[in-house]
Structures are given as C-alpha cells and as structure tokens.
Amino acid sequence: MLETLITSKTRIKLLLKFFLNPETRAYLRELATEFGESTNAIRVELNRLTDAKLLEKGSNGRTVMYHANTTHSFFKDIQSVVKKYIGIDTLAEELIAKLGDVQAAYVIGDYAKGKDSGLIDLVLVGDIDEDKLKEVTAKTEKLIDRKIRTLVLKQSDLEKLDKRLDLKHSLYIWGIERNHGK
C-alpha cells in the first residue's frame, strides 16, 4: 500500500528506518551500505526529507548524522502509517491483548533498527498463555505478511538479559516501559 502512495523505494526505506524507532541515527554511507544503493540515490532522498523538515541532520565530527524530527507536526502521523505498514499496530492488538498478563512487549532486532526484513523479533514479559501465543502468532503472521519470532520472559529474566537483548534500542509497544539504560 505504501508503495502506491510513495513511489521511491529509497524514501520508503528511509521513512521506515527513522520513523519506526525515532532514536535511530544514521549517516549517508551507512544507509547506502544497508540499503544496497548508491550514495547519490540516498543523498537525494535525505535532502528531500530534510528540506521537508521530516529529518534533521547534525554533525558527529566530520560525519553528518540524520534522525527523525520528532517535533514535526506530521511526526506522529507518519510514525503511525509506518507502524501500520509493518503491522506493529496489528501485532500489539492481536497478539498482546489476548495472551494473559502481559507486562511489557518489545520489538528488537531488525525492526527496532528500522529494517523491514520480514522477521519481527518480539520479547514478551509476563505470564503468557503459550498455547494461545502460538495460535495468535500464526493468525497475526498471515494478517501482516511477516514472520514473528517470540521470546517469553519473566521480569527477573528480562533484567538479566537487558543488555544482551539490547532493550536500550528496542521498540517498546506494550505495557509499562522500563528505562533500559536510556
């Protein structure tokens, strides 16, 4: 659907990269390598998004870093569209709300970094009905056309694995968010 509204595949990748997780910071060559595209194609789209004030840029030494402009009046709207495109809104509604006592849920891995890889890594914290999880996961995968890999933890296990799971750079989608080294 997003491809029909935005014809530039590079622009879509950039919107996913920066608006899925607004803490994401990246520079031109890094993006070109990640997307497998020329620096010129990336530069053109970065300039367009920066001119529209959807992205901001700043210097980190000699490197120009880009990030989402979270104060832009369309930020929340664009982020909502991006989450709908990926299916994170459906993931939260379909999976988490039906699984029992879910204290928190985080998307980690590629999607937390803004990469649409087709595999969503989901960490669920709480007392989860494992049978219901399998059933709802299968249904949700069909709805959003992406695979979901889940990890169910108790709060004490989450605290032990915090750094290993890189929750500092996760995409928080449900429950009471903890401050994971932010």
C-alpha atoms as a PDB file:
ATOM      1  CA  MET A   1       0.000   0.000   0.000  1.00  0.00           C
ATOM      2  CA  LEU A   2       2.720   2.483   0.922  1.00  0.00           C
ATOM      3  CA  GLU A   3       4.421   1.761  -2.417  1.00  0.00           C
ATOM      4  CA  THR A   4       1.418   3.172  -4.281  1.00  0.00           C
ATOM      5  CA  LEU A   5       1.497   6.406  -2.287  1.00  0.00           C
ATOM      6  CA  ILE A   6       5.278   6.830  -2.270  1.00  0.00           C
ATOM      7  CA  THR A   7       6.921   5.722  -5.498  1.00  0.00           C
ATOM      8  CA  SER A   8      10.503   5.978  -4.262  1.00  0.00           C
ATOM      9  CA  LYS A   9      11.565   2.694  -2.641  1.00  0.00           C
ATOM     10  CA  THR A  10      14.540   4.520  -1.126  1.00  0.00           C
ATOM     11  CA  ARG A  11      12.241   7.079   0.526  1.00  0.00           C
ATOM     12  CA  ILE A  12      10.109   4.271   1.977  1.00  0.00           C
ATOM     13  CA  LYS A  13      13.223   2.598   3.407  1.00  0.00           C
ATOM     14  CA  LEU A  14      14.310   5.899   4.955  1.00  0.00           C
ATOM     15  CA  LEU A  15      10.882   6.517   6.485  1.00  0.00           C
ATOM     16  CA  LEU A  16      10.905   3.008   7.960  1.00  0.00           C
ATOM     17  CA  LYS A  17      14.446   3.467   9.222  1.00  0.00           C
ATOM     18  CA  PHE A  18      13.824   6.753  11.002  1.00  0.00           C
ATOM     19  CA  PHE A  19      10.145   6.638  11.955  1.00  0.00           C
ATOM     20  CA  LEU A  20       9.826   3.087  13.325  1.00  0.00           C
ATOM     21  CA  ASN A  21      12.252   3.962  16.076  1.00  0.00           C
ATOM     22  CA  PRO A  22      12.805   7.742  16.341  1.00  0.00           C
ATOM     23  CA  GLU A  23      16.014   7.268  18.315  1.00  0.00           C
ATOM     24  CA  THR A  24      17.684   5.880  15.193  1.00  0.00           C
ATOM     25  CA  ARG A  25      20.663   7.875  13.956  1.00  0.00           C
ATOM     26  CA  ALA A  26      22.444   7.099  10.681  1.00  0.00           C
ATOM     27  CA  TYR A  27      24.801   8.623   8.134  1.00  0.00           C
ATOM     28  CA  LEU A  28      24.890   8.553   4.339  1.00  0.00           C
ATOM     29  CA  ARG A  29      27.418   5.774   3.665  1.00  0.00           C
ATOM     30  CA  GLU A  30      25.942   3.561   6.383  1.00  0.00           C
ATOM     31  CA  LEU A  31      22.496   3.892   4.771  1.00  0.00           C
ATOM     32  CA  ALA A  32      23.868   3.232   1.275  1.00  0.00           C
ATOM     33  CA  THR A  33      25.528   0.025   2.500  1.00  0.00           C
ATOM     34  CA  GLU A  34      22.472  -1.114   4.459  1.00  0.00           C
ATOM     35  CA  PHE A  35      20.068  -0.461   1.569  1.00  0.00           C
ATOM     36  CA  GLY A  36      22.453  -1.675  -1.144  1.00  0.00           C
ATOM     37  CA  GLU A  37      22.010   1.564  -3.065  1.00  0.00           C
ATOM     38  CA  SER A  38      24.259   4.337  -4.340  1.00  0.00           C
ATOM     39  CA  THR A  39      25.160   7.194  -2.025  1.00  0.00           C
ATOM     40  CA  ASN A  40      23.713   9.585  -4.614  1.00  0.00           C
ATOM     41  CA  ALA A  41      20.252   7.936  -4.500  1.00  0.00           C
ATOM     42  CA  ILE A  42      20.305   8.058  -0.702  1.00  0.00           C
ATOM     43  CA  ARG A  43      21.570  11.664  -0.667  1.00  0.00           C
ATOM     44  CA  VAL A  44      18.735  12.850  -2.942  1.00  0.00           C
ATOM     45  CA  GLU A  45      16.076  11.363  -0.664  1.00  0.00           C
ATOM     46  CA  LEU A  46      17.798  12.523   2.534  1.00  0.00           C
ATOM     47  CA  ASN A  47      17.860  16.052   1.099  1.00  0.00           C
ATOM     48  CA  ARG A  48      14.154  15.876   0.206  1.00  0.00           C
ATOM     49  CA  LEU A  49      13.194  14.651   3.665  1.00  0.00           C
ATOM     50  CA  THR A  50      15.472  17.195   5.336  1.00  0.00           C
ATOM     51  CA  ASP A  51      14.084  20.038   3.176  1.00  0.00           C
ATOM     52  CA  ALA A  52      10.576  18.945   4.226  1.00  0.00           C
ATOM     53  CA  LYS A  53      11.859  19.109   7.830  1.00  0.00           C
ATOM     54  CA  LEU A  54      10.858  15.472   8.428  1.00  0.00           C
ATOM     55  CA  LEU A  55      14.508  14.639   9.113  1.00  0.00           C
ATOM     56  CA  GLU A  56      17.092  16.671  10.951  1.00  0.00           C
ATOM     57  CA  LYS A  57      20.819  16.487  10.481  1.00  0.00           C
ATOM     58  CA  GLY A  58      23.711  17.213  12.764  1.00  0.00           C
ATOM     59  CA  SER A  59      27.431  16.697  12.847  1.00  0.00           C
ATOM     60  CA  ASN A  60      29.295  13.999  14.697  1.00  0.00           C
ATOM     61  CA  GLY A  61      32.837  15.107  13.985  1.00  0.00           C
ATOM     62  CA  ARG A  62      33.105  15.129  10.191  1.00  0.00           C
ATOM     63  CA  THR A  63      30.127  12.785   9.760  1.00  0.00           C
ATOM     64  CA  VAL A  64      26.659  14.180   9.062  1.00  0.00           C
ATOM     65  CA  MET A  65      24.105  12.191  11.065  1.00  0.00           C
ATOM     66  CA  TYR A  66      20.388  12.099  10.259  1.00  0.00           C
ATOM     67  CA  HIS A  67      17.417  11.426  12.538  1.00  0.00           C
ATOM     68  CA  ALA A  68      13.639  11.901  12.605  1.00  0.00           C
ATOM     69  CA  ASN A  69      12.341  15.332  13.544  1.00  0.00           C
ATOM     70  CA  THR A  70      10.083  14.310  16.409  1.00  0.00           C
ATOM     71  CA  THR A  71       8.759  17.872  16.758  1.00  0.00           C
ATOM     72  CA  HIS A  72       7.390  17.988  13.203  1.00  0.00           C
ATOM     73  CA  SER A  73       3.599  18.327  13.149  1.00  0.00           C
ATOM     74  CA  PHE A  74       3.307  15.179  10.982  1.00  0.00           C
ATOM     75  CA  PHE A  75       5.739  13.054  13.018  1.00  0.00           C
ATOM     76  CA  LYS A  76       3.092  11.034  14.914  1.00  0.00           C
ATOM     77  CA  ASP A  77       1.002  10.616  11.744  1.00  0.00           C
ATOM     78  CA  ILE A  78       3.940   9.338   9.684  1.00  0.00           C
ATOM     79  CA  GLN A  79       5.045   7.059  12.513  1.00  0.00           C
ATOM     80  CA  SER A  80       1.513   5.658  12.720  1.00  0.00           C
ATOM     81  CA  VAL A  81       1.424   4.994   8.950  1.00  0.00           C
ATOM     82  CA  VAL A  82       4.834   3.298   9.107  1.00  0.00           C
ATOM     83  CA  LYS A  83       3.738   1.102  12.026  1.00  0.00           C
ATOM     84  CA  LYS A  84       0.553   0.168  10.171  1.00  0.00           C
ATOM     85  CA  TYR A  85       2.601  -0.654   7.061  1.00  0.00           C
ATOM     86  CA  ILE A  86       4.840  -3.015   9.058  1.00  0.00           C
ATOM     87  CA  GLY A  87       1.915  -4.359  11.077  1.00  0.00           C
ATOM     88  CA  ILE A  88       3.104  -3.368  14.527  1.00  0.00           C
ATOM     89  CA  ASP A  89      -0.295  -1.907  15.373  1.00  0.00           C
ATOM     90  CA  THR A  90      -1.937  -5.232  14.478  1.00  0.00           C
ATOM     91  CA  LEU A  91       0.797  -7.114  16.336  1.00  0.00           C
ATOM     92  CA  ALA A  92       0.019  -5.222  19.526  1.00  0.00           C
ATOM     93  CA  GLU A  93      -3.740  -5.610  19.169  1.00  0.00           C
ATOM     94  CA  GLU A  94      -3.870  -9.238  18.009  1.00  0.00           C
ATOM     95  CA  LEU A  95      -1.031 -10.757  19.974  1.00  0.00           C
ATOM     96  CA  ILE A  96      -0.544  -8.975  23.212  1.00  0.00           C
ATOM     97  CA  ALA A  97      -4.101  -8.114  24.214  1.00  0.00           C
ATOM     98  CA  LYS A  98      -5.150 -11.792  24.071  1.00  0.00           C
ATOM     99  CA  LEU A  99      -2.295 -13.548  25.840  1.00  0.00           C
ATOM    100  CA  GLY A 100      -2.902 -13.167  29.551  1.00  0.00           C
ATOM    101  CA  ASP A 101      -0.879 -10.971  31.881  1.00  0.00           C
ATOM    102  CA  VAL A 102       1.485  -9.166  29.503  1.00  0.00           C
ATOM    103  CA  GLN A 103       3.530  -6.678  31.497  1.00  0.00           C
ATOM    104  CA  ALA A 104       5.587  -5.407  28.568  1.00  0.00           C
ATOM    105  CA  ALA A 105       6.349  -6.121  24.930  1.00  0.00           C
ATOM    106  CA  TYR A 106       9.326  -5.013  22.871  1.00  0.00           C
ATOM    107  CA  VAL A 107      10.297  -5.397  19.245  1.00  0.00           C
ATOM    108  CA  ILE A 108      14.040  -5.997  18.995  1.00  0.00           C
ATOM    109  CA  GLY A 109      16.412  -6.771  16.132  1.00  0.00           C
ATOM    110  CA  ASP A 110      15.932  -5.548  12.567  1.00  0.00           C
ATOM    111  CA  TYR A 111      12.582  -3.831  13.017  1.00  0.00           C
ATOM    112  CA  ALA A 112      13.787  -1.910  16.064  1.00  0.00           C
ATOM    113  CA  LYS A 113      16.567  -0.647  13.762  1.00  0.00           C
ATOM    114  CA  GLY A 114      14.062   0.295  11.063  1.00  0.00           C
ATOM    115  CA  LYS A 115      14.857  -2.606   8.709  1.00  0.00           C
ATOM    116  CA  ASP A 116      11.907  -4.338   7.051  1.00  0.00           C
ATOM    117  CA  SER A 117      13.489  -7.807   6.986  1.00  0.00           C
ATOM    118  CA  GLY A 118      10.285  -9.854   7.183  1.00  0.00           C
ATOM    119  CA  LEU A 119      11.095 -11.305  10.635  1.00  0.00           C
ATOM    120  CA  ILE A 120       9.806  -9.499  13.713  1.00  0.00           C
ATOM    121  CA  ASP A 121      11.574 -10.399  16.969  1.00  0.00           C
ATOM    122  CA  LEU A 122       9.140  -9.879  19.832  1.00  0.00           C
ATOM    123  CA  VAL A 123      10.021 -10.047  23.534  1.00  0.00           C
ATOM    124  CA  LEU A 124       7.025 -10.556  25.820  1.00  0.00           C
ATOM    125  CA  VAL A 125       7.282 -10.108  29.582  1.00  0.00           C
ATOM    126  CA  GLY A 126       4.749 -11.623  31.929  1.00  0.00           C
ATOM    127  CA  ASP A 127       2.645 -14.704  32.492  1.00  0.00           C
ATOM    128  CA  ILE A 128       1.825 -15.698  28.904  1.00  0.00           C
ATOM    129  CA  ASP A 129      -0.503 -18.464  27.722  1.00  0.00           C
ATOM    130  CA  GLU A 130       1.957 -20.336  25.427  1.00  0.00           C
ATOM    131  CA  ASP A 131      -0.741 -22.251  23.504  1.00  0.00           C
ATOM    132  CA  LYS A 132      -2.687 -19.068  22.834  1.00  0.00           C
ATOM    133  CA  LEU A 133       0.590 -17.380  21.822  1.00  0.00           C
ATOM    134  CA  LYS A 134       1.224 -19.972  19.090  1.00  0.00           C
ATOM    135  CA  GLU A 135      -2.350 -19.716  17.833  1.00  0.00           C
ATOM    136  CA  VAL A 136      -2.453 -15.909  17.756  1.00  0.00           C
ATOM    137  CA  THR A 137       1.076 -15.642  16.321  1.00  0.00           C
ATOM    138  CA  ALA A 138       0.123 -17.791  13.329  1.00  0.00           C
ATOM    139  CA  LYS A 139      -3.001 -15.706  12.717  1.00  0.00           C
ATOM    140  CA  THR A 140      -1.112 -12.410  13.053  1.00  0.00           C
ATOM    141  CA  GLU A 141       1.670 -13.554  10.707  1.00  0.00           C
ATOM    142  CA  LYS A 142      -0.937 -14.035   7.990  1.00  0.00           C
ATOM    143  CA  LEU A 143      -2.522 -10.647   8.690  1.00  0.00           C
ATOM    144  CA  ILE A 144       0.735  -8.689   8.490  1.00  0.00           C
ATOM    145  CA  ASP A 145       2.569 -10.927   5.992  1.00  0.00           C
ATOM    146  CA  ARG A 146       5.662 -11.193   8.195  1.00  0.00           C
ATOM    147  CA  LYS A 147       7.147 -13.913  10.403  1.00  0.00           C
ATOM    148  CA  ILE A 148       7.111 -13.373  14.163  1.00  0.00           C
ATOM    149  CA  ARG A 149       9.708 -14.896  16.477  1.00  0.00           C
ATOM    150  CA  THR A 150       8.765 -14.621  20.149  1.00  0.00           C
ATOM    151  CA  LEU A 151      10.702 -14.799  23.383  1.00  0.00           C
ATOM    152  CA  VAL A 152       8.689 -15.016  26.610  1.00  0.00           C
ATOM    153  CA  LEU A 153      10.394 -13.893  29.814  1.00  0.00           C
ATOM    154  CA  LYS A 154       9.613 -13.212  33.433  1.00  0.00           C
ATOM    155  CA  GLN A 155      10.531  -9.726  34.687  1.00  0.00           C
ATOM    156  CA  SER A 156      13.582 -11.073  36.549  1.00  0.00           C
ATOM    157  CA  ASP A 157      14.865 -12.762  33.366  1.00  0.00           C
ATOM    158  CA  LEU A 158      14.322  -9.559  31.384  1.00  0.00           C
ATOM    159  CA  GLU A 159      16.507  -7.618  33.786  1.00  0.00           C
ATOM    160  CA  LYS A 160      19.285 -10.218  33.430  1.00  0.00           C
ATOM    161  CA  LEU A 161      19.098 -10.157  29.607  1.00  0.00           C
ATOM    162  CA  ASP A 162      18.540  -6.411  29.200  1.00  0.00           C
ATOM    163  CA  LYS A 163      21.929  -5.642  27.610  1.00  0.00           C
ATOM    164  CA  ARG A 164      22.070  -8.854  25.577  1.00  0.00           C
ATOM    165  CA  LEU A 165      18.656  -8.153  24.042  1.00  0.00           C
ATOM    166  CA  ASP A 166      19.707  -4.513  23.502  1.00  0.00           C
ATOM    167  CA  LEU A 167      16.468  -3.205  25.000  1.00  0.00           C
ATOM    168  CA  LYS A 168      18.003   0.257  25.036  1.00  0.00           C
ATOM    169  CA  HIS A 169      17.462   0.261  21.248  1.00  0.00           C
ATOM    170  CA  SER A 170      14.205  -1.697  21.212  1.00  0.00           C
ATOM    171  CA  LEU A 171      10.828  -0.564  20.001  1.00  0.00           C
ATOM    172  CA  TYR A 172       8.521  -0.551  23.011  1.00  0.00           C
ATOM    173  CA  ILE A 173       4.946  -1.492  22.032  1.00  0.00           C
ATOM    174  CA  TRP A 174       3.035  -2.510  25.160  1.00  0.00           C
ATOM    175  CA  GLY A 175       2.834  -2.254  28.967  1.00  0.00           C
ATOM    176  CA  ILE A 176       4.843  -0.292  31.447  1.00  0.00           C
ATOM    177  CA  GLU A 177       8.062   0.810  29.813  1.00  0.00           C
ATOM    178  CA  ARG A 178      11.171   0.425  31.883  1.00  0.00           C
ATOM    179  CA  ASN A 179      14.136   2.731  31.490  1.00  0.00           C
ATOM    180  CA  HIS A 180      16.669   0.350  29.917  1.00  0.00           C
ATOM    181  CA  GLY A 181      19.831   2.395  30.143  1.00  0.00           C
ATOM    182  CA  LYS A 182      18.340   5.292  28.175  1.00  0.00           C
END
